[in-house]
Amino acid sequence: MWGSLMVLGSYYTQTGYLKVEPIIVSIPVGILVASVLLIDSIRDYEYDRSAGIKTLTVMLGRDVALKLFTTMIAMAYVATPLIYSWYSRPMDPSTPYNNAKSDESSKIVL
């Protein structure tokens, strides 16, 4: 959630609104953050396994964890242009771009 929370928090701080679009845009960031945590776990695999520490890498095995890491990196870089092409509109809350009657219904003001 670091990726989504960082992006949504920044969006809210700048606009005063909570919307779903910043969460969607932050998916690649979240995948990259999770991949950093996974590669750190892969680095400690031998120690964790010998000490009986149950990490995702220990449960999956080193080779599967490396494949998962590679897949996560690929997913982050593939998701970015897909999200951009699917949602290539500005995220300015004052710009009405929803198909709904009013953009006001999708805003949450705290």
Protein backbone atom coordinates (compact mmCIF):
# COMPACT_ATOMS: atom_id res chain seq x y z
CA MET A 1 0.00 0.00 0.00
CA TRP A 2 2.96 2.33 0.14
CA GLY A 3 2.60 3.18 -3.52
CA SER A 4 -1.14 3.88 -3.40
CA LEU A 5 -1.06 5.66 -0.06
CA MET A 6 1.83 7.91 -1.12
CA VAL A 7 0.15 8.92 -4.37
CA LEU A 8 -3.34 9.31 -2.87
CA GLY A 9 -1.95 11.28 0.08
CA SER A 10 -0.10 13.62 -2.26
CA TYR A 11 -3.21 14.05 -4.40
CA TYR A 12 -5.38 14.80 -1.36
CA THR A 13 -2.82 17.25 0.06
CA GLN A 14 -2.76 19.20 -3.20
CA THR A 15 -6.47 19.08 -4.07
CA GLY A 16 -8.43 18.40 -0.89
CA TYR A 17 -10.30 15.57 -2.63
CA LEU A 18 -10.13 11.77 -2.56
CA LYS A 19 -10.71 10.05 -5.89
CA VAL A 20 -10.11 6.59 -7.31
CA GLU A 21 -8.01 7.76 -10.26
CA PRO A 22 -4.82 8.39 -8.22
CA ILE A 23 -5.09 4.86 -6.84
CA ILE A 24 -5.32 3.42 -10.35
CA VAL A 25 -2.36 5.48 -11.53
CA SER A 26 -0.31 4.36 -8.50
CA ILE A 27 -0.56 0.63 -9.29
CA PRO A 28 2.86 0.49 -11.02
CA VAL A 29 4.44 2.39 -8.13
CA GLY A 30 2.99 -0.11 -5.66
CA ILE A 31 4.27 -3.04 -7.70
CA LEU A 32 7.76 -1.54 -7.75
CA VAL A 33 7.70 -0.94 -3.98
CA ALA A 34 6.64 -4.56 -3.41
CA SER A 35 9.40 -5.76 -5.74
CA VAL A 36 12.01 -3.91 -3.64
CA LEU A 37 10.74 -5.73 -0.55
CA LEU A 38 10.82 -9.06 -2.42
CA ILE A 39 14.37 -8.63 -3.74
CA ASP A 40 15.52 -7.80 -0.21
CA SER A 41 13.94 -11.04 0.95
CA ILE A 42 15.65 -12.95 -1.88
CA ARG A 43 19.01 -11.56 -0.76
CA ASP A 44 18.44 -12.95 2.76
CA TYR A 45 17.11 -16.32 1.57
CA GLU A 46 19.90 -18.56 2.91
CA TYR A 47 19.94 -16.98 6.35
CA ASP A 48 16.15 -16.90 6.65
CA ARG A 49 15.84 -20.53 5.59
CA SER A 50 18.52 -21.72 8.04
CA ALA A 51 17.02 -19.66 10.88
CA GLY A 52 13.49 -20.91 10.21
CA ILE A 53 12.17 -17.46 9.29
CA LYS A 54 9.09 -17.79 7.09
CA THR A 55 9.32 -15.18 4.35
CA LEU A 56 7.61 -15.33 0.98
CA THR A 57 10.95 -16.23 -0.60
CA VAL A 58 11.51 -19.11 1.83
CA MET A 59 7.98 -20.42 1.22
CA LEU A 60 8.22 -20.16 -2.58
CA GLY A 61 11.88 -21.03 -2.98
CA ARG A 62 14.62 -18.83 -4.37
CA ASP A 63 14.06 -19.67 -8.04
CA VAL A 64 10.30 -19.06 -7.94
CA ALA A 65 10.84 -15.84 -5.99
CA LEU A 66 13.28 -14.61 -8.65
CA LYS A 67 10.71 -15.39 -11.36
CA LEU A 68 8.07 -13.54 -9.33
CA PHE A 69 10.42 -10.56 -8.98
CA THR A 70 11.05 -10.50 -12.74
CA THR A 71 7.31 -10.74 -13.40
CA MET A 72 6.57 -7.90 -11.00
CA ILE A 73 9.10 -5.62 -12.69
CA ALA A 74 7.66 -6.48 -16.10
CA MET A 75 4.11 -5.91 -14.84
CA ALA A 76 5.01 -2.45 -13.54
CA TYR A 77 6.47 -1.38 -16.86
CA VAL A 78 3.67 -2.94 -18.91
CA ALA A 79 0.96 -1.49 -16.65
CA THR A 80 2.23 2.06 -16.99
CA PRO A 81 1.44 2.58 -20.70
CA LEU A 82 -1.77 0.55 -20.38
CA ILE A 83 -3.04 2.74 -17.57
CA TYR A 84 -1.93 5.84 -19.43
CA SER A 85 -3.75 4.80 -22.60
CA TRP A 86 -6.87 3.82 -20.62
CA TYR A 87 -6.86 6.92 -18.49
CA SER A 88 -5.07 9.75 -20.24
CA ARG A 89 -7.12 12.63 -18.85
CA PRO A 90 -5.99 15.24 -16.36
CA MET A 91 -6.68 14.54 -12.68
CA ASP A 92 -7.65 18.13 -11.91
CA PRO A 93 -10.81 17.92 -9.77
CA SER A 94 -12.09 21.20 -11.20
CA THR A 95 -12.17 19.69 -14.71
CA PRO A 96 -15.39 17.75 -15.35
CA TYR A 97 -14.41 14.62 -17.23
CA ASN A 98 -16.76 11.96 -15.83
CA ASN A 99 -19.66 10.62 -17.83
CA ALA A 100 -21.84 11.23 -14.78
CA LYS A 101 -24.17 14.23 -14.65
CA SER A 102 -21.92 16.01 -12.18
CA ASP A 103 -18.34 15.45 -11.11
CA GLU A 104 -19.35 16.65 -7.63
CA SER A 105 -20.80 13.22 -6.76
CA SER A 106 -17.39 11.52 -7.01
CA LYS A 107 -15.60 13.99 -4.72
CA ILE A 108 -15.07 13.28 -1.06
CA VAL A 109 -14.14 16.37 0.90
CA LEU A 110 -12.67 15.82 4.35
